[in-house]
Amino acid sequence: MAIIPALGIGYGETKIIETYDLFKAIVEEMEFSSNFKDGYWIELIADAILESAEKG
């Protein structure tokens, strides 16, 4: 695959990198990020942003 300068990587490449990181974490018995705890904190932040926008 040719890489075109200044275009970055696409969705497919991103998923390949995420899959590699997941498998590597499993093999090395390390915690994978993002995990449930990360998602929980992100959702709390998203809720706070929404509440702030609603209250102005």
PDB file of N, CA and C in Angstrom:
ATOM      1  N   MET A   1       0.845  -1.166   0.000  1.00  0.00           N
ATOM      2  CA  MET A   1       0.000   0.000   0.000  1.00  0.00           C
ATOM      3  C   MET A   1       0.893   1.233   0.000  1.00  0.00           C
ATOM      4  N   ALA A   2       0.558   2.180  -0.847  1.00  0.00           N
ATOM      5  CA  ALA A   2       1.305   3.425  -0.910  1.00  0.00           C
ATOM      6  C   ALA A   2       0.767   4.398   0.127  1.00  0.00           C
ATOM      7  N   ILE A   3       1.652   5.115   0.764  1.00  0.00           N
ATOM      8  CA  ILE A   3       1.255   6.146   1.719  1.00  0.00           C
ATOM      9  C   ILE A   3       1.406   7.490   1.032  1.00  0.00           C
ATOM     10  N   ILE A   4       0.344   8.263   1.026  1.00  0.00           N
ATOM     11  CA  ILE A   4       0.355   9.564   0.384  1.00  0.00           C
ATOM     12  C   ILE A   4       0.685  10.613   1.439  1.00  0.00           C
ATOM     13  N   PRO A   5       1.722  11.418   1.220  1.00  0.00           N
ATOM     14  CA  PRO A   5       2.108  12.434   2.206  1.00  0.00           C
ATOM     15  C   PRO A   5       0.963  13.397   2.514  1.00  0.00           C
ATOM     16  N   ALA A   6       0.877  13.800   3.775  1.00  0.00           N
ATOM     17  CA  ALA A   6      -0.071  14.806   4.274  1.00  0.00           C
ATOM     18  C   ALA A   6      -1.506  14.305   4.384  1.00  0.00           C
ATOM     19  N   LEU A   7      -1.778  13.060   4.081  1.00  0.00           N
ATOM     20  CA  LEU A   7      -3.147  12.556   4.195  1.00  0.00           C
ATOM     21  C   LEU A   7      -3.364  11.730   5.453  1.00  0.00           C
ATOM     22  N   GLY A   8      -2.323  11.428   6.182  1.00  0.00           N
ATOM     23  CA  GLY A   8      -2.495  10.649   7.404  1.00  0.00           C
ATOM     24  C   GLY A   8      -2.894   9.221   7.102  1.00  0.00           C
ATOM     25  N   ILE A   9      -3.526   8.602   8.088  1.00  0.00           N
ATOM     26  CA  ILE A   9      -3.972   7.222   7.904  1.00  0.00           C
ATOM     27  C   ILE A   9      -5.489   7.187   7.913  1.00  0.00           C
ATOM     28  N   GLY A  10      -6.043   6.165   7.345  1.00  0.00           N
ATOM     29  CA  GLY A  10      -7.490   6.038   7.238  1.00  0.00           C
ATOM     30  C   GLY A  10      -8.079   5.155   8.312  1.00  0.00           C
ATOM     31  N   TYR A  11      -9.386   4.937   8.185  1.00  0.00           N
ATOM     32  CA  TYR A  11     -10.134   4.133   9.143  1.00  0.00           C
ATOM     33  C   TYR A  11      -9.587   2.710   9.217  1.00  0.00           C
ATOM     34  N   GLY A  12      -9.345   2.105   8.047  1.00  0.00           N
ATOM     35  CA  GLY A  12      -8.856   0.719   8.019  1.00  0.00           C
ATOM     36  C   GLY A  12      -7.529   0.560   8.729  1.00  0.00           C
ATOM     37  N   GLU A  13      -6.617   1.490   8.471  1.00  0.00           N
ATOM     38  CA  GLU A  13      -5.310   1.433   9.121  1.00  0.00           C
ATOM     39  C   GLU A  13      -5.433   1.625  10.631  1.00  0.00           C
ATOM     40  N   THR A  14      -6.332   2.507  11.028  1.00  0.00           N
ATOM     41  CA  THR A  14      -6.556   2.733  12.456  1.00  0.00           C
ATOM     42  C   THR A  14      -7.032   1.458  13.132  1.00  0.00           C
ATOM     43  N   LYS A  15      -7.960   0.737  12.496  1.00  0.00           N
ATOM     44  CA  LYS A  15      -8.475  -0.512  13.070  1.00  0.00           C
ATOM     45  C   LYS A  15      -7.390  -1.584  13.141  1.00  0.00           C
ATOM     46  N   ILE A  16      -6.518  -1.621  12.148  1.00  0.00           N
ATOM     47  CA  ILE A  16      -5.409  -2.580  12.172  1.00  0.00           C
ATOM     48  C   ILE A  16      -4.484  -2.287  13.350  1.00  0.00           C
ATOM     49  N   ILE A  17      -4.176  -1.015  13.567  1.00  0.00           N
ATOM     50  CA  ILE A  17      -3.309  -0.622  14.686  1.00  0.00           C
ATOM     51  C   ILE A  17      -3.975  -0.968  16.017  1.00  0.00           C
ATOM     52  N   GLU A  18      -5.275  -0.686  16.150  1.00  0.00           N
ATOM     53  CA  GLU A  18      -5.993  -1.012  17.387  1.00  0.00           C
ATOM     54  C   GLU A  18      -6.001  -2.517  17.643  1.00  0.00           C
ATOM     55  N   THR A  19      -6.206  -3.303  16.599  1.00  0.00           N
ATOM     56  CA  THR A  19      -6.216  -4.761  16.737  1.00  0.00           C
ATOM     57  C   THR A  19      -4.844  -5.270  17.163  1.00  0.00           C
ATOM     58  N   TYR A  20      -3.793  -4.735  16.555  1.00  0.00           N
ATOM     59  CA  TYR A  20      -2.434  -5.112  16.941  1.00  0.00           C
ATOM     60  C   TYR A  20      -2.200  -4.815  18.427  1.00  0.00           C
ATOM     61  N   ASP A  21      -2.585  -3.606  18.857  1.00  0.00           N
ATOM     62  CA  ASP A  21      -2.391  -3.225  20.260  1.00  0.00           C
ATOM     63  C   ASP A  21      -3.167  -4.143  21.202  1.00  0.00           C
ATOM     64  N   LEU A  22      -4.389  -4.524  20.810  1.00  0.00           N
ATOM     65  CA  LEU A  22      -5.196  -5.432  21.630  1.00  0.00           C
ATOM     66  C   LEU A  22      -4.516  -6.794  21.751  1.00  0.00           C
ATOM     67  N   PHE A  23      -4.119  -7.378  20.629  1.00  0.00           N
ATOM     68  CA  PHE A  23      -3.477  -8.696  20.662  1.00  0.00           C
ATOM     69  C   PHE A  23      -2.162  -8.656  21.426  1.00  0.00           C
ATOM     70  N   LYS A  24      -1.392  -7.586  21.247  1.00  0.00           N
ATOM     71  CA  LYS A  24      -0.120  -7.445  21.961  1.00  0.00           C
ATOM     72  C   LYS A  24      -0.363  -7.390  23.474  1.00  0.00           C
ATOM     73  N   ALA A  25      -1.383  -6.648  23.893  1.00  0.00           N
ATOM     74  CA  ALA A  25      -1.703  -6.560  25.321  1.00  0.00           C
ATOM     75  C   ALA A  25      -2.118  -7.923  25.871  1.00  0.00           C
ATOM     76  N   ILE A  26      -2.875  -8.684  25.080  1.00  0.00           N
ATOM     77  CA  ILE A  26      -3.301 -10.023  25.521  1.00  0.00           C
ATOM     78  C   ILE A  26      -2.087 -10.931  25.673  1.00  0.00           C
ATOM     79  N   VAL A  27      -1.225 -10.957  24.660  1.00  0.00           N
ATOM     80  CA  VAL A  27      -0.044 -11.833  24.685  1.00  0.00           C
ATOM     81  C   VAL A  27       0.890 -11.466  25.833  1.00  0.00           C
ATOM     82  N   GLU A  28       1.064 -10.163  26.057  1.00  0.00           N
ATOM     83  CA  GLU A  28       1.979  -9.710  27.111  1.00  0.00           C
ATOM     84  C   GLU A  28       1.298  -9.597  28.471  1.00  0.00           C
ATOM     85  N   GLU A  29       0.018 -10.007  28.532  1.00  0.00           N
ATOM     86  CA  GLU A  29      -0.772  -9.983  29.758  1.00  0.00           C
ATOM     87  C   GLU A  29      -0.759  -8.601  30.409  1.00  0.00           C
ATOM     88  N   MET A  30      -0.978  -7.579  29.575  1.00  0.00           N
ATOM     89  CA  MET A  30      -1.045  -6.204  30.048  1.00  0.00           C
ATOM     90  C   MET A  30      -2.470  -5.691  29.861  1.00  0.00           C
ATOM     91  N   GLU A  31      -2.808  -4.651  30.608  1.00  0.00           N
ATOM     92  CA  GLU A  31      -4.133  -4.061  30.466  1.00  0.00           C
ATOM     93  C   GLU A  31      -4.209  -3.285  29.161  1.00  0.00           C
ATOM     94  N   PHE A  32      -5.310  -3.478  28.446  1.00  0.00           N
ATOM     95  CA  PHE A  32      -5.510  -2.790  27.175  1.00  0.00           C
ATOM     96  C   PHE A  32      -6.177  -1.450  27.417  1.00  0.00           C
ATOM     97  N   SER A  33      -5.752  -0.456  26.686  1.00  0.00           N
ATOM     98  CA  SER A  33      -6.378   0.851  26.772  1.00  0.00           C
ATOM     99  C   SER A  33      -6.943   1.147  25.396  1.00  0.00           C
ATOM    100  N   SER A  34      -8.063   1.522  25.286  1.00  0.00           N
ATOM    101  CA  SER A  34      -9.053   2.004  26.219  1.00  0.00           C
ATOM    102  C   SER A  34      -9.821   0.824  26.824  1.00  0.00           C
ATOM    103  N   ASN A  35     -10.137   0.974  28.080  1.00  0.00           N
ATOM    104  CA  ASN A  35     -10.860  -0.076  28.765  1.00  0.00           C
ATOM    105  C   ASN A  35     -12.169   0.500  29.304  1.00  0.00           C
ATOM    106  N   PHE A  36     -12.901  -0.286  30.071  1.00  0.00           N
ATOM    107  CA  PHE A  36     -14.190   0.156  30.587  1.00  0.00           C
ATOM    108  C   PHE A  36     -14.043   1.391  31.461  1.00  0.00           C
ATOM    109  N   LYS A  37     -13.001   1.416  32.287  1.00  0.00           N
ATOM    110  CA  LYS A  37     -12.777   2.561  33.175  1.00  0.00           C
ATOM    111  C   LYS A  37     -12.558   3.836  32.361  1.00  0.00           C
ATOM    112  N   ASP A  38     -11.763   3.751  31.288  1.00  0.00           N
ATOM    113  CA  ASP A  38     -11.550   4.910  30.419  1.00  0.00           C
ATOM    114  C   ASP A  38     -12.864   5.382  29.814  1.00  0.00           C
ATOM    115  N   GLY A  39     -13.659   4.441  29.335  1.00  0.00           N
ATOM    116  CA  GLY A  39     -14.953   4.776  28.744  1.00  0.00           C
ATOM    117  C   GLY A  39     -15.885   5.431  29.743  1.00  0.00           C
ATOM    118  N   TYR A  40     -15.853   4.955  30.972  1.00  0.00           N
ATOM    119  CA  TYR A  40     -16.693   5.530  32.021  1.00  0.00           C
ATOM    120  C   TYR A  40     -16.343   6.996  32.257  1.00  0.00           C
ATOM    121  N   TRP A  41     -15.044   7.282  32.380  1.00  0.00           N
ATOM    122  CA  TRP A  41     -14.618   8.661  32.621  1.00  0.00           C
ATOM    123  C   TRP A  41     -14.934   9.562  31.426  1.00  0.00           C
ATOM    124  N   ILE A  42     -14.757   9.040  30.235  1.00  0.00           N
ATOM    125  CA  ILE A  42     -15.090   9.818  29.036  1.00  0.00           C
ATOM    126  C   ILE A  42     -16.589  10.133  29.005  1.00  0.00           C
ATOM    127  N   GLU A  43     -17.411   9.176  29.381  1.00  0.00           N
ATOM    128  CA  GLU A  43     -18.855   9.414  29.404  1.00  0.00           C
ATOM    129  C   GLU A  43     -19.231  10.450  30.461  1.00  0.00           C
ATOM    130  N   LEU A  44     -18.573  10.435  31.623  1.00  0.00           N
ATOM    131  CA  LEU A  44     -18.834  11.466  32.629  1.00  0.00           C
ATOM    132  C   LEU A  44     -18.487  12.859  32.088  1.00  0.00           C
ATOM    133  N   ILE A  45     -17.391  12.950  31.381  1.00  0.00           N
ATOM    134  CA  ILE A  45     -16.997  14.225  30.784  1.00  0.00           C
ATOM    135  C   ILE A  45     -18.012  14.657  29.737  1.00  0.00           C
ATOM    136  N   ALA A  46     -18.440  13.726  28.883  1.00  0.00           N
ATOM    137  CA  ALA A  46     -19.433  14.052  27.855  1.00  0.00           C
ATOM    138  C   ALA A  46     -20.738  14.527  28.497  1.00  0.00           C
ATOM    139  N   ASP A  47     -21.160  13.878  29.568  1.00  0.00           N
ATOM    140  CA  ASP A  47     -22.378  14.293  30.280  1.00  0.00           C
ATOM    141  C   ASP A  47     -22.217  15.700  30.856  1.00  0.00           C
ATOM    142  N   ALA A  48     -21.056  16.003  31.405  1.00  0.00           N
ATOM    143  CA  ALA A  48     -20.808  17.340  31.965  1.00  0.00           C
ATOM    144  C   ALA A  48     -20.824  18.400  30.865  1.00  0.00           C
ATOM    145  N   ILE A  49     -20.264  18.080  29.705  1.00  0.00           N
ATOM    146  CA  ILE A  49     -20.277  19.021  28.581  1.00  0.00           C
ATOM    147  C   ILE A  49     -21.710  19.280  28.132  1.00  0.00           C
ATOM    148  N   LEU A  50     -22.501  18.232  28.012  1.00  0.00           N
ATOM    149  CA  LEU A  50     -23.894  18.375  27.604  1.00  0.00           C
ATOM    150  C   LEU A  50     -24.675  19.216  28.615  1.00  0.00           C
ATOM    151  N   GLU A  51     -24.507  18.920  29.888  1.00  0.00           N
ATOM    152  CA  GLU A  51     -25.190  19.686  30.933  1.00  0.00           C
ATOM    153  C   GLU A  51     -24.782  21.162  30.896  1.00  0.00           C
ATOM    154  N   SER A  52     -23.503  21.414  30.708  1.00  0.00           N
ATOM    155  CA  SER A  52     -23.012  22.788  30.633  1.00  0.00           C
ATOM    156  C   SER A  52     -23.618  23.527  29.440  1.00  0.00           C
ATOM    157  N   ALA A  53     -23.705  22.844  28.304  1.00  0.00           N
ATOM    158  CA  ALA A  53     -24.273  23.468  27.108  1.00  0.00           C
ATOM    159  C   ALA A  53     -25.761  23.769  27.305  1.00  0.00           C
ATOM    160  N   GLU A  54     -26.458  22.856  27.975  1.00  0.00           N
ATOM    161  CA  GLU A  54     -27.892  23.070  28.216  1.00  0.00           C
ATOM    162  C   GLU A  54     -28.144  24.239  29.178  1.00  0.00           C
ATOM    163  N   LYS A  55     -27.239  24.426  30.125  1.00  0.00           N
ATOM    164  CA  LYS A  55     -27.400  25.495  31.107  1.00  0.00           C
ATOM    165  C   LYS A  55     -26.809  26.815  30.630  1.00  0.00           C
ATOM    166  N   GLY A  56     -26.024  26.750  29.548  1.00  0.00           N
ATOM    167  CA  GLY A  56     -25.440  27.970  28.988  1.00  0.00           C
ATOM    168  C   GLY A  56     -24.292  28.483  29.827  1.00  0.00           C
TER     169      GLY A  56
END
